[in-house]
Amino acid sequence: MSVYQKHAGYDTRKKYAIKHRYNISTEQLENLVERSGGRCEICSTTLEFNTQERNKLFMIDHCHTSGQVRGLLCHPCNAAIGLFKDSIPNIENAARYLKKNGIQS
């Protein structure tokens, strides 16, 4: 059984949607799952593939300019990157702001 099948259950419609939306194969998705260990690559939340719980739902993060797939994230982390406009300086500024104001995670 493949990693994708183990985590997601084998669902032809999902496989088709992922292939056509992100232009990646099932094997490439399996590689992303293996690389991430089935966790969000930012916050390490365990990702779910068949869930209604939005905070644990896996998202395929991609560059909106090039379309290149970057990795797997949870919905909140994927949304956060989008809200920061995929800008590394914006994200670094936010981290500096939190550190400066004594916010601990």
PDB file of N, CA and C in Angstrom:
ATOM      1  N   MET A   1       0.846  -1.182   0.000  1.00  0.00           N
ATOM      2  CA  MET A   1       0.000   0.000   0.000  1.00  0.00           C
ATOM      3  C   MET A   1       0.888   1.240   0.000  1.00  0.00           C
ATOM      4  N   SER A   2       0.589   2.180  -0.862  1.00  0.00           N
ATOM      5  CA  SER A   2       1.393   3.390  -0.963  1.00  0.00           C
ATOM      6  C   SER A   2       1.125   4.317   0.215  1.00  0.00           C
ATOM      7  N   VAL A   3       2.023   5.262   0.418  1.00  0.00           N
ATOM      8  CA  VAL A   3       1.860   6.256   1.477  1.00  0.00           C
ATOM      9  C   VAL A   3       0.565   7.026   1.259  1.00  0.00           C
ATOM     10  N   TYR A   4       0.305   7.412   0.025  1.00  0.00           N
ATOM     11  CA  TYR A   4      -0.917   8.152  -0.284  1.00  0.00           C
ATOM     12  C   TYR A   4      -2.142   7.334   0.096  1.00  0.00           C
ATOM     13  N   GLN A   5      -2.135   6.061  -0.264  1.00  0.00           N
ATOM     14  CA  GLN A   5      -3.270   5.201   0.062  1.00  0.00           C
ATOM     15  C   GLN A   5      -3.412   5.058   1.569  1.00  0.00           C
ATOM     16  N   LYS A   6      -2.300   4.920   2.280  1.00  0.00           N
ATOM     17  CA  LYS A   6      -2.333   4.759   3.723  1.00  0.00           C
ATOM     18  C   LYS A   6      -2.912   5.991   4.402  1.00  0.00           C
ATOM     19  N   HIS A   7      -2.469   7.184   3.966  1.00  0.00           N
ATOM     20  CA  HIS A   7      -2.912   8.407   4.606  1.00  0.00           C
ATOM     21  C   HIS A   7      -4.262   8.886   4.080  1.00  0.00           C
ATOM     22  N   ALA A   8      -4.487   8.777   2.799  1.00  0.00           N
ATOM     23  CA  ALA A   8      -5.662   9.401   2.204  1.00  0.00           C
ATOM     24  C   ALA A   8      -6.781   8.424   1.903  1.00  0.00           C
ATOM     25  N   GLY A   9      -6.456   7.177   1.848  1.00  0.00           N
ATOM     26  CA  GLY A   9      -7.421   6.257   1.289  1.00  0.00           C
ATOM     27  C   GLY A   9      -7.357   6.449  -0.215  1.00  0.00           C
ATOM     28  N   TYR A  10      -7.546   5.425  -0.942  1.00  0.00           N
ATOM     29  CA  TYR A  10      -7.411   5.552  -2.395  1.00  0.00           C
ATOM     30  C   TYR A  10      -8.695   6.128  -2.951  1.00  0.00           C
ATOM     31  N   ASP A  11      -8.651   7.324  -3.467  1.00  0.00           N
ATOM     32  CA  ASP A  11      -9.824   8.015  -3.982  1.00  0.00           C
ATOM     33  C   ASP A  11      -9.485   8.576  -5.354  1.00  0.00           C
ATOM     34  N   THR A  12     -10.043   7.990  -6.379  1.00  0.00           N
ATOM     35  CA  THR A  12      -9.730   8.360  -7.754  1.00  0.00           C
ATOM     36  C   THR A  12     -10.066   9.818  -8.042  1.00  0.00           C
ATOM     37  N   ARG A  13     -11.169  10.316  -7.478  1.00  0.00           N
ATOM     38  CA  ARG A  13     -11.537  11.724  -7.720  1.00  0.00           C
ATOM     39  C   ARG A  13     -10.506  12.676  -7.143  1.00  0.00           C
ATOM     40  N   LYS A  14     -10.002  12.394  -5.938  1.00  0.00           N
ATOM     41  CA  LYS A  14      -8.979  13.255  -5.331  1.00  0.00           C
ATOM     42  C   LYS A  14      -7.701  13.213  -6.144  1.00  0.00           C
ATOM     43  N   LYS A  15      -7.317  12.015  -6.550  1.00  0.00           N
ATOM     44  CA  LYS A  15      -6.098  11.857  -7.351  1.00  0.00           C
ATOM     45  C   LYS A  15      -6.226  12.658  -8.647  1.00  0.00           C
ATOM     46  N   TYR A  16      -7.364  12.581  -9.297  1.00  0.00           N
ATOM     47  CA  TYR A  16      -7.600  13.314 -10.540  1.00  0.00           C
ATOM     48  C   TYR A  16      -7.534  14.824 -10.287  1.00  0.00           C
ATOM     49  N   ALA A  17      -8.192  15.286  -9.222  1.00  0.00           N
ATOM     50  CA  ALA A  17      -8.221  16.721  -8.908  1.00  0.00           C
ATOM     51  C   ALA A  17      -6.820  17.251  -8.619  1.00  0.00           C
ATOM     52  N   ILE A  18      -6.052  16.504  -7.850  1.00  0.00           N
ATOM     53  CA  ILE A  18      -4.690  16.923  -7.516  1.00  0.00           C
ATOM     54  C   ILE A  18      -3.828  16.958  -8.772  1.00  0.00           C
ATOM     55  N   LYS A  19      -3.944  15.943  -9.599  1.00  0.00           N
ATOM     56  CA  LYS A  19      -3.137  15.895 -10.826  1.00  0.00           C
ATOM     57  C   LYS A  19      -3.436  17.093 -11.725  1.00  0.00           C
ATOM     58  N   HIS A  20      -4.695  17.419 -11.871  1.00  0.00           N
ATOM     59  CA  HIS A  20      -5.048  18.488 -12.806  1.00  0.00           C
ATOM     60  C   HIS A  20      -4.903  19.889 -12.210  1.00  0.00           C
ATOM     61  N   ARG A  21      -5.089  20.028 -10.925  1.00  0.00           N
ATOM     62  CA  ARG A  21      -4.938  21.356 -10.320  1.00  0.00           C
ATOM     63  C   ARG A  21      -3.473  21.730 -10.131  1.00  0.00           C
ATOM     64  N   TYR A  22      -2.667  20.751  -9.699  1.00  0.00           N
ATOM     65  CA  TYR A  22      -1.268  21.041  -9.363  1.00  0.00           C
ATOM     66  C   TYR A  22      -0.271  20.413 -10.327  1.00  0.00           C
ATOM     67  N   ASN A  23      -0.762  19.633 -11.276  1.00  0.00           N
ATOM     68  CA  ASN A  23       0.079  18.975 -12.264  1.00  0.00           C
ATOM     69  C   ASN A  23       1.143  18.090 -11.615  1.00  0.00           C
ATOM     70  N   ILE A  24       0.721  17.332 -10.602  1.00  0.00           N
ATOM     71  CA  ILE A  24       1.636  16.374  -9.974  1.00  0.00           C
ATOM     72  C   ILE A  24       0.992  14.990  -9.983  1.00  0.00           C
ATOM     73  N   SER A  25       1.823  13.993 -10.045  1.00  0.00           N
ATOM     74  CA  SER A  25       1.357  12.609 -10.079  1.00  0.00           C
ATOM     75  C   SER A  25       1.130  12.091  -8.658  1.00  0.00           C
ATOM     76  N   THR A  26       0.504  10.941  -8.571  1.00  0.00           N
ATOM     77  CA  THR A  26       0.319  10.291  -7.275  1.00  0.00           C
ATOM     78  C   THR A  26       1.682  10.022  -6.638  1.00  0.00           C
ATOM     79  N   GLU A  27       2.656   9.615  -7.447  1.00  0.00           N
ATOM     80  CA  GLU A  27       4.006   9.346  -6.934  1.00  0.00           C
ATOM     81  C   GLU A  27       4.627  10.620  -6.356  1.00  0.00           C
ATOM     82  N   GLN A  28       4.441  11.746  -7.037  1.00  0.00           N
ATOM     83  CA  GLN A  28       4.984  13.008  -6.523  1.00  0.00           C
ATOM     84  C   GLN A  28       4.293  13.404  -5.218  1.00  0.00           C
ATOM     85  N   LEU A  29       2.983  13.168  -5.115  1.00  0.00           N
ATOM     86  CA  LEU A  29       2.270  13.441  -3.872  1.00  0.00           C
ATOM     87  C   LEU A  29       2.791  12.538  -2.762  1.00  0.00           C
ATOM     88  N   GLU A  30       3.001  11.264  -3.081  1.00  0.00           N
ATOM     89  CA  GLU A  30       3.564  10.338  -2.096  1.00  0.00           C
ATOM     90  C   GLU A  30       4.917  10.839  -1.594  1.00  0.00           C
ATOM     91  N   ASN A  31       5.743  11.352  -2.509  1.00  0.00           N
ATOM     92  CA  ASN A  31       7.054  11.897  -2.120  1.00  0.00           C
ATOM     93  C   ASN A  31       6.902  13.096  -1.191  1.00  0.00           C
ATOM     94  N   LEU A  32       5.909  13.956  -1.442  1.00  0.00           N
ATOM     95  CA  LEU A  32       5.666  15.102  -0.559  1.00  0.00           C
ATOM     96  C   LEU A  32       5.249  14.634   0.834  1.00  0.00           C
ATOM     97  N   VAL A  33       4.388  13.620   0.878  1.00  0.00           N
ATOM     98  CA  VAL A  33       3.938  13.076   2.169  1.00  0.00           C
ATOM     99  C   VAL A  33       5.121  12.478   2.920  1.00  0.00           C
ATOM    100  N   GLU A  34       5.952  11.711   2.219  1.00  0.00           N
ATOM    101  CA  GLU A  34       7.131  11.113   2.854  1.00  0.00           C
ATOM    102  C   GLU A  34       8.095  12.187   3.342  1.00  0.00           C
ATOM    103  N   ARG A  35       8.341  13.203   2.524  1.00  0.00           N
ATOM    104  CA  ARG A  35       9.263  14.281   2.897  1.00  0.00           C
ATOM    105  C   ARG A  35       8.784  14.993   4.159  1.00  0.00           C
ATOM    106  N   SER A  36       7.481  15.216   4.258  1.00  0.00           N
ATOM    107  CA  SER A  36       6.938  15.942   5.401  1.00  0.00           C
ATOM    108  C   SER A  36       6.651  15.039   6.592  1.00  0.00           C
ATOM    109  N   GLY A  37       6.719  13.739   6.383  1.00  0.00           N
ATOM    110  CA  GLY A  37       6.367  12.815   7.459  1.00  0.00           C
ATOM    111  C   GLY A  37       4.896  12.865   7.810  1.00  0.00           C
ATOM    112  N   GLY A  38       4.074  13.360   6.866  1.00  0.00           N
ATOM    113  CA  GLY A  38       2.635  13.466   7.121  1.00  0.00           C
ATOM    114  C   GLY A  38       2.294  14.625   8.043  1.00  0.00           C
ATOM    115  N   ARG A  39       3.220  15.583   8.156  1.00  0.00           N
ATOM    116  CA  ARG A  39       3.028  16.737   9.044  1.00  0.00           C
ATOM    117  C   ARG A  39       3.184  18.030   8.243  1.00  0.00           C
ATOM    118  N   CYS A  40       2.573  19.093   8.772  1.00  0.00           N
ATOM    119  CA  CYS A  40       2.749  20.417   8.176  1.00  0.00           C
ATOM    120  C   CYS A  40       4.225  20.775   8.255  1.00  0.00           C
ATOM    121  N   GLU A  41       4.763  21.271   7.156  1.00  0.00           N
ATOM    122  CA  GLU A  41       6.193  21.576   7.108  1.00  0.00           C
ATOM    123  C   GLU A  41       6.551  22.868   7.844  1.00  0.00           C
ATOM    124  N   ILE A  42       5.565  23.561   8.383  1.00  0.00           N
ATOM    125  CA  ILE A  42       5.842  24.757   9.184  1.00  0.00           C
ATOM    126  C   ILE A  42       5.606  24.482  10.666  1.00  0.00           C
ATOM    127  N   CYS A  43       4.412  24.034  11.034  1.00  0.00           N
ATOM    128  CA  CYS A  43       4.067  23.905  12.466  1.00  0.00           C
ATOM    129  C   CYS A  43       4.074  22.471  12.981  1.00  0.00           C
ATOM    130  N   SER A  44       4.253  21.504  12.108  1.00  0.00           N
ATOM    131  CA  SER A  44       4.326  20.075  12.451  1.00  0.00           C
ATOM    132  C   SER A  44       3.005  19.443  12.874  1.00  0.00           C
ATOM    133  N   THR A  45       1.888  20.106  12.611  1.00  0.00           N
ATOM    134  CA  THR A  45       0.587  19.495  12.868  1.00  0.00           C
ATOM    135  C   THR A  45       0.468  18.238  12.017  1.00  0.00           C
ATOM    136  N   THR A  46      -0.032  17.155  12.599  1.00  0.00           N
ATOM    137  CA  THR A  46      -0.278  15.945  11.830  1.00  0.00           C
ATOM    138  C   THR A  46      -1.399  16.233  10.845  1.00  0.00           C
ATOM    139  N   LEU A  47      -1.132  15.978   9.575  1.00  0.00           N
ATOM    140  CA  LEU A  47      -2.092  16.294   8.524  1.00  0.00           C
ATOM    141  C   LEU A  47      -3.047  15.136   8.297  1.00  0.00           C
ATOM    142  N   GLU A  48      -4.284  15.478   8.022  1.00  0.00           N
ATOM    143  CA  GLU A  48      -5.320  14.497   7.722  1.00  0.00           C
ATOM    144  C   GLU A  48      -5.689  14.644   6.253  1.00  0.00           C
ATOM    145  N   PHE A  49      -6.019  13.548   5.623  1.00  0.00           N
ATOM    146  CA  PHE A  49      -6.353  13.579   4.218  1.00  0.00           C
ATOM    147  C   PHE A  49      -7.841  13.380   3.972  1.00  0.00           C
ATOM    148  N   ASN A  50      -8.524  12.835   4.935  1.00  0.00           N
ATOM    149  CA  ASN A  50      -9.972  12.663   4.836  1.00  0.00           C
ATOM    150  C   ASN A  50     -10.576  13.187   6.122  1.00  0.00           C
ATOM    151  N   THR A  51     -10.731  14.495   6.216  1.00  0.00           N
ATOM    152  CA  THR A  51     -11.256  15.085   7.444  1.00  0.00           C
ATOM    153  C   THR A  51     -12.105  16.294   7.115  1.00  0.00           C
ATOM    154  N   GLN A  52     -13.022  16.580   7.990  1.00  0.00           N
ATOM    155  CA  GLN A  52     -13.809  17.812   7.886  1.00  0.00           C
ATOM    156  C   GLN A  52     -13.208  18.882   8.795  1.00  0.00           C
ATOM    157  N   GLU A  53     -12.186  18.512   9.582  1.00  0.00           N
ATOM    158  CA  GLU A  53     -11.545  19.451  10.497  1.00  0.00           C
ATOM    159  C   GLU A  53     -10.529  20.290   9.721  1.00  0.00           C
ATOM    160  N   ARG A  54     -10.920  21.503   9.383  1.00  0.00           N
ATOM    161  CA  ARG A  54     -10.152  22.352   8.470  1.00  0.00           C
ATOM    162  C   ARG A  54      -8.720  22.598   8.942  1.00  0.00           C
ATOM    163  N   ASN A  55      -8.472  22.717  10.251  1.00  0.00           N
ATOM    164  CA  ASN A  55      -7.127  23.003  10.744  1.00  0.00           C
ATOM    165  C   ASN A  55      -6.153  21.862  10.532  1.00  0.00           C
ATOM    166  N   LYS A  56      -6.665  20.660  10.302  1.00  0.00           N
ATOM    167  CA  LYS A  56      -5.794  19.503  10.086  1.00  0.00           C
ATOM    168  C   LYS A  56      -5.789  19.038   8.632  1.00  0.00           C
ATOM    169  N   LEU A  57      -6.576  19.665   7.806  1.00  0.00           N
ATOM    170  CA  LEU A  57      -6.680  19.260   6.410  1.00  0.00           C
ATOM    171  C   LEU A  57      -5.399  19.620   5.668  1.00  0.00           C
ATOM    172  N   PHE A  58      -4.878  18.689   4.901  1.00  0.00           N
ATOM    173  CA  PHE A  58      -3.640  18.976   4.178  1.00  0.00           C
ATOM    174  C   PHE A  58      -3.910  19.894   2.997  1.00  0.00           C
ATOM    175  N   MET A  59      -2.969  20.778   2.762  1.00  0.00           N
ATOM    176  CA  MET A  59      -3.038  21.699   1.640  1.00  0.00           C
ATOM    177  C   MET A  59      -1.763  21.523   0.827  1.00  0.00           C
ATOM    178  N   ILE A  60      -1.882  21.548  -0.471  1.00  0.00           N
ATOM    179  CA  ILE A  60      -0.704  21.507  -1.326  1.00  0.00           C
ATOM    180  C   ILE A  60      -0.303  22.963  -1.557  1.00  0.00           C
ATOM    181  N   ASP A  61       0.787  23.374  -0.925  1.00  0.00           N
ATOM    182  CA  ASP A  61       1.261  24.745  -1.063  1.00  0.00           C
ATOM    183  C   ASP A  61       1.969  24.887  -2.398  1.00  0.00           C
ATOM    184  N   HIS A  62       1.669  25.975  -3.086  1.00  0.00           N
ATOM    185  CA  HIS A  62       2.288  26.208  -4.392  1.00  0.00           C
ATOM    186  C   HIS A  62       2.471  27.696  -4.624  1.00  0.00           C
ATOM    187  N   CYS A  63       3.397  28.017  -5.496  1.00  0.00           N
ATOM    188  CA  CYS A  63       3.655  29.397  -5.895  1.00  0.00           C
ATOM    189  C   CYS A  63       2.557  29.818  -6.875  1.00  0.00           C
ATOM    190  N   HIS A  64       1.890  30.916  -6.563  1.00  0.00           N
ATOM    191  CA  HIS A  64       0.802  31.365  -7.432  1.00  0.00           C
ATOM    192  C   HIS A  64       1.314  31.990  -8.724  1.00  0.00           C
ATOM    193  N   THR A  65       2.591  32.354  -8.770  1.00  0.00           N
ATOM    194  CA  THR A  65       3.176  32.919  -9.989  1.00  0.00           C
ATOM    195  C   THR A  65       3.621  31.821 -10.946  1.00  0.00           C
ATOM    196  N   SER A  66       4.424  30.870 -10.425  1.00  0.00           N
ATOM    197  CA  SER A  66       4.985  29.823 -11.285  1.00  0.00           C
ATOM    198  C   SER A  66       4.134  28.555 -11.321  1.00  0.00           C
ATOM    199  N   GLY A  67       3.297  28.362 -10.294  1.00  0.00           N
ATOM    200  CA  GLY A  67       2.520  27.132 -10.186  1.00  0.00           C
ATOM    201  C   GLY A  67       3.297  25.994  -9.554  1.00  0.00           C
ATOM    202  N   GLN A  68       4.583  26.207  -9.246  1.00  0.00           N
ATOM    203  CA  GLN A  68       5.428  25.150  -8.694  1.00  0.00           C
ATOM    204  C   GLN A  68       4.963  24.762  -7.290  1.00  0.00           C
ATOM    205  N   VAL A  69       4.815  23.455  -7.068  1.00  0.00           N
ATOM    206  CA  VAL A  69       4.427  22.931  -5.762  1.00  0.00           C
ATOM    207  C   VAL A  69       5.621  23.032  -4.818  1.00  0.00           C
ATOM    208  N   ARG A  70       5.371  23.579  -3.606  1.00  0.00           N
ATOM    209  CA  ARG A  70       6.441  23.737  -2.619  1.00  0.00           C
ATOM    210  C   ARG A  70       6.405  22.658  -1.555  1.00  0.00           C
ATOM    211  N   GLY A  71       5.220  22.219  -1.146  1.00  0.00           N
ATOM    212  CA  GLY A  71       5.142  21.215  -0.098  1.00  0.00           C
ATOM    213  C   GLY A  71       3.743  21.096   0.459  1.00  0.00           C
ATOM    214  N   LEU A  72       3.642  20.387   1.600  1.00  0.00           N
ATOM    215  CA  LEU A  72       2.358  20.169   2.265  1.00  0.00           C
ATOM    216  C   LEU A  72       2.296  20.997   3.537  1.00  0.00           C
ATOM    217  N   LEU A  73       1.202  21.690   3.708  1.00  0.00           N
ATOM    218  CA  LEU A  73       0.983  22.516   4.889  1.00  0.00           C
ATOM    219  C   LEU A  73      -0.419  22.269   5.426  1.00  0.00           C
ATOM    220  N   CYS A  74      -0.639  22.632   6.690  1.00  0.00           N
ATOM    221  CA  CYS A  74      -1.993  22.636   7.226  1.00  0.00           C
ATOM    222  C   CYS A  74      -2.689  23.890   6.693  1.00  0.00           C
ATOM    223  N   HIS A  75      -3.992  23.913   6.794  1.00  0.00           N
ATOM    224  CA  HIS A  75      -4.742  25.049   6.262  1.00  0.00           C
ATOM    225  C   HIS A  75      -4.322  26.375   6.902  1.00  0.00           C
ATOM    226  N   PRO A  76      -4.192  26.479   8.246  1.00  0.00           N
ATOM    227  CA  PRO A  76      -3.798  27.771   8.825  1.00  0.00           C
ATOM    228  C   PRO A  76      -2.434  28.268   8.330  1.00  0.00           C
ATOM    229  N   CYS A  77      -1.447  27.400   8.225  1.00  0.00           N
ATOM    230  CA  CYS A  77      -0.121  27.832   7.760  1.00  0.00           C
ATOM    231  C   CYS A  77      -0.157  28.226   6.289  1.00  0.00           C
ATOM    232  N   ASN A  78      -0.906  27.490   5.483  1.00  0.00           N
ATOM    233  CA  ASN A  78      -1.030  27.836   4.074  1.00  0.00           C
ATOM    234  C   ASN A  78      -1.721  29.190   3.922  1.00  0.00           C
ATOM    235  N   ALA A  79      -2.772  29.422   4.711  1.00  0.00           N
ATOM    236  CA  ALA A  79      -3.483  30.706   4.661  1.00  0.00           C
ATOM    237  C   ALA A  79      -2.566  31.839   5.117  1.00  0.00           C
ATOM    238  N   ALA A  80      -1.772  31.596   6.161  1.00  0.00           N
ATOM    239  CA  ALA A  80      -0.868  32.628   6.681  1.00  0.00           C
ATOM    240  C   ALA A  80       0.134  33.059   5.618  1.00  0.00           C
ATOM    241  N   ILE A  81       0.711  32.103   4.925  1.00  0.00           N
ATOM    242  CA  ILE A  81       1.663  32.440   3.859  1.00  0.00           C
ATOM    243  C   ILE A  81       0.973  33.304   2.808  1.00  0.00           C
ATOM    244  N   GLY A  82      -0.242  32.963   2.473  1.00  0.00           N
ATOM    245  CA  GLY A  82      -0.989  33.754   1.502  1.00  0.00           C
ATOM    246  C   GLY A  82      -1.280  35.159   2.010  1.00  0.00           C
ATOM    247  N   LEU A  83      -1.636  35.269   3.286  1.00  0.00           N
ATOM    248  CA  LEU A  83      -1.910  36.587   3.855  1.00  0.00           C
ATOM    249  C   LEU A  83      -0.658  37.459   3.889  1.00  0.00           C
ATOM    250  N   PHE A  84       0.504  36.822   4.010  1.00  0.00           N
ATOM    251  CA  PHE A  84       1.774  37.551   3.947  1.00  0.00           C
ATOM    252  C   PHE A  84       2.242  37.732   2.502  1.00  0.00           C
ATOM    253  N   LYS A  85       1.375  37.400   1.556  1.00  0.00           N
ATOM    254  CA  LYS A  85       1.630  37.574   0.123  1.00  0.00           C
ATOM    255  C   LYS A  85       2.862  36.797  -0.359  1.00  0.00           C
ATOM    256  N   ASP A  86       3.112  35.643   0.257  1.00  0.00           N
ATOM    257  CA  ASP A  86       4.252  34.790  -0.098  1.00  0.00           C
ATOM    258  C   ASP A  86       5.572  35.551  -0.002  1.00  0.00           C
ATOM    259  N   SER A  87       5.634  36.565   0.834  1.00  0.00           N
ATOM    260  CA  SER A  87       6.796  37.448   0.931  1.00  0.00           C
ATOM    261  C   SER A  87       7.665  37.077   2.131  1.00  0.00           C
ATOM    262  N   ILE A  88       8.870  36.603   1.856  1.00  0.00           N
ATOM    263  CA  ILE A  88       9.808  36.274   2.936  1.00  0.00           C
ATOM    264  C   ILE A  88      10.091  37.504   3.800  1.00  0.00           C
ATOM    265  N   PRO A  89      10.335  38.700   3.221  1.00  0.00           N
ATOM    266  CA  PRO A  89      10.538  39.876   4.084  1.00  0.00           C
ATOM    267  C   PRO A  89       9.336  40.154   5.006  1.00  0.00           C
ATOM    268  N   ASN A  90       8.114  39.992   4.507  1.00  0.00           N
ATOM    269  CA  ASN A  90       6.937  40.202   5.352  1.00  0.00           C
ATOM    270  C   ASN A  90       6.906  39.201   6.505  1.00  0.00           C
ATOM    271  N   ILE A  91       7.226  37.951   6.213  1.00  0.00           N
ATOM    272  CA  ILE A  91       7.218  36.914   7.252  1.00  0.00           C
ATOM    273  C   ILE A  91       8.336  37.176   8.260  1.00  0.00           C
ATOM    274  N   GLU A  92       9.518  37.561   7.785  1.00  0.00           N
ATOM    275  CA  GLU A  92      10.627  37.887   8.695  1.00  0.00           C
ATOM    276  C   GLU A  92      10.285  39.100   9.558  1.00  0.00           C
ATOM    277  N   ASN A  93       9.637  40.107   8.965  1.00  0.00           N
ATOM    278  CA  ASN A  93       9.218  41.279   9.735  1.00  0.00           C
ATOM    279  C   ASN A  93       8.213  40.897  10.817  1.00  0.00           C
ATOM    280  N   ALA A  94       7.307  39.999  10.498  1.00  0.00           N
ATOM    281  CA  ALA A  94       6.321  39.542  11.483  1.00  0.00           C
ATOM    282  C   ALA A  94       7.021  38.818  12.636  1.00  0.00           C
ATOM    283  N   ALA A  95       8.010  37.962  12.321  1.00  0.00           N
ATOM    284  CA  ALA A  95       8.757  37.253  13.368  1.00  0.00           C
ATOM    285  C   ALA A  95       9.519  38.243  14.248  1.00  0.00           C
ATOM    286  N   ARG A  96      10.153  39.258  13.637  1.00  0.00           N
ATOM    287  CA  ARG A  96      10.863  40.288  14.406  1.00  0.00           C
ATOM    288  C   ARG A  96       9.902  41.046  15.317  1.00  0.00           C
ATOM    289  N   TYR A  97       8.733  41.370  14.782  1.00  0.00           N
ATOM    290  CA  TYR A  97       7.717  42.077  15.557  1.00  0.00           C
ATOM    291  C   TYR A  97       7.330  41.266  16.794  1.00  0.00           C
ATOM    292  N   LEU A  98       7.070  39.974  16.597  1.00  0.00           N
ATOM    293  CA  LEU A  98       6.686  39.121  17.728  1.00  0.00           C
ATOM    294  C   LEU A  98       7.814  39.023  18.754  1.00  0.00           C
ATOM    295  N   LYS A  99       9.054  38.866  18.283  1.00  0.00           N
ATOM    296  CA  LYS A  99      10.185  38.781  19.201  1.00  0.00           C
ATOM    297  C   LYS A  99      10.362  40.079  19.963  1.00  0.00           C
ATOM    298  N   LYS A 100      10.265  41.206  19.283  1.00  0.00           N
ATOM    299  CA  LYS A 100      10.449  42.520  19.881  1.00  0.00           C
ATOM    300  C   LYS A 100       9.417  42.801  20.968  1.00  0.00           C
ATOM    301  N   ASN A 101       8.219  42.295  20.769  1.00  0.00           N
ATOM    302  CA  ASN A 101       7.129  42.569  21.703  1.00  0.00           C
ATOM    303  C   ASN A 101       6.944  41.465  22.739  1.00  0.00           C
ATOM    304  N   GLY A 102       7.951  40.600  22.865  1.00  0.00           N
ATOM    305  CA  GLY A 102       7.966  39.609  23.940  1.00  0.00           C
ATOM    306  C   GLY A 102       6.987  38.476  23.797  1.00  0.00           C
ATOM    307  N   ILE A 103       6.541  38.201  22.606  1.00  0.00           N
ATOM    308  CA  ILE A 103       5.602  37.097  22.396  1.00  0.00           C
ATOM    309  C   ILE A 103       6.391  35.807  22.288  1.00  0.00           C
ATOM    310  N   GLN A 104       6.051  34.851  23.115  1.00  0.00           N
ATOM    311  CA  GLN A 104       6.705  33.539  23.096  1.00  0.00           C
ATOM    312  C   GLN A 104       5.745  32.513  22.544  1.00  0.00           C
ATOM    313  N   SER A 105       6.278  31.584  21.764  1.00  0.00           N
ATOM    314  CA  SER A 105       5.395  30.512  21.256  1.00  0.00           C
ATOM    315  C   SER A 105       5.492  29.304  22.149  1.00  0.00           C
TER     316      SER A 105
END
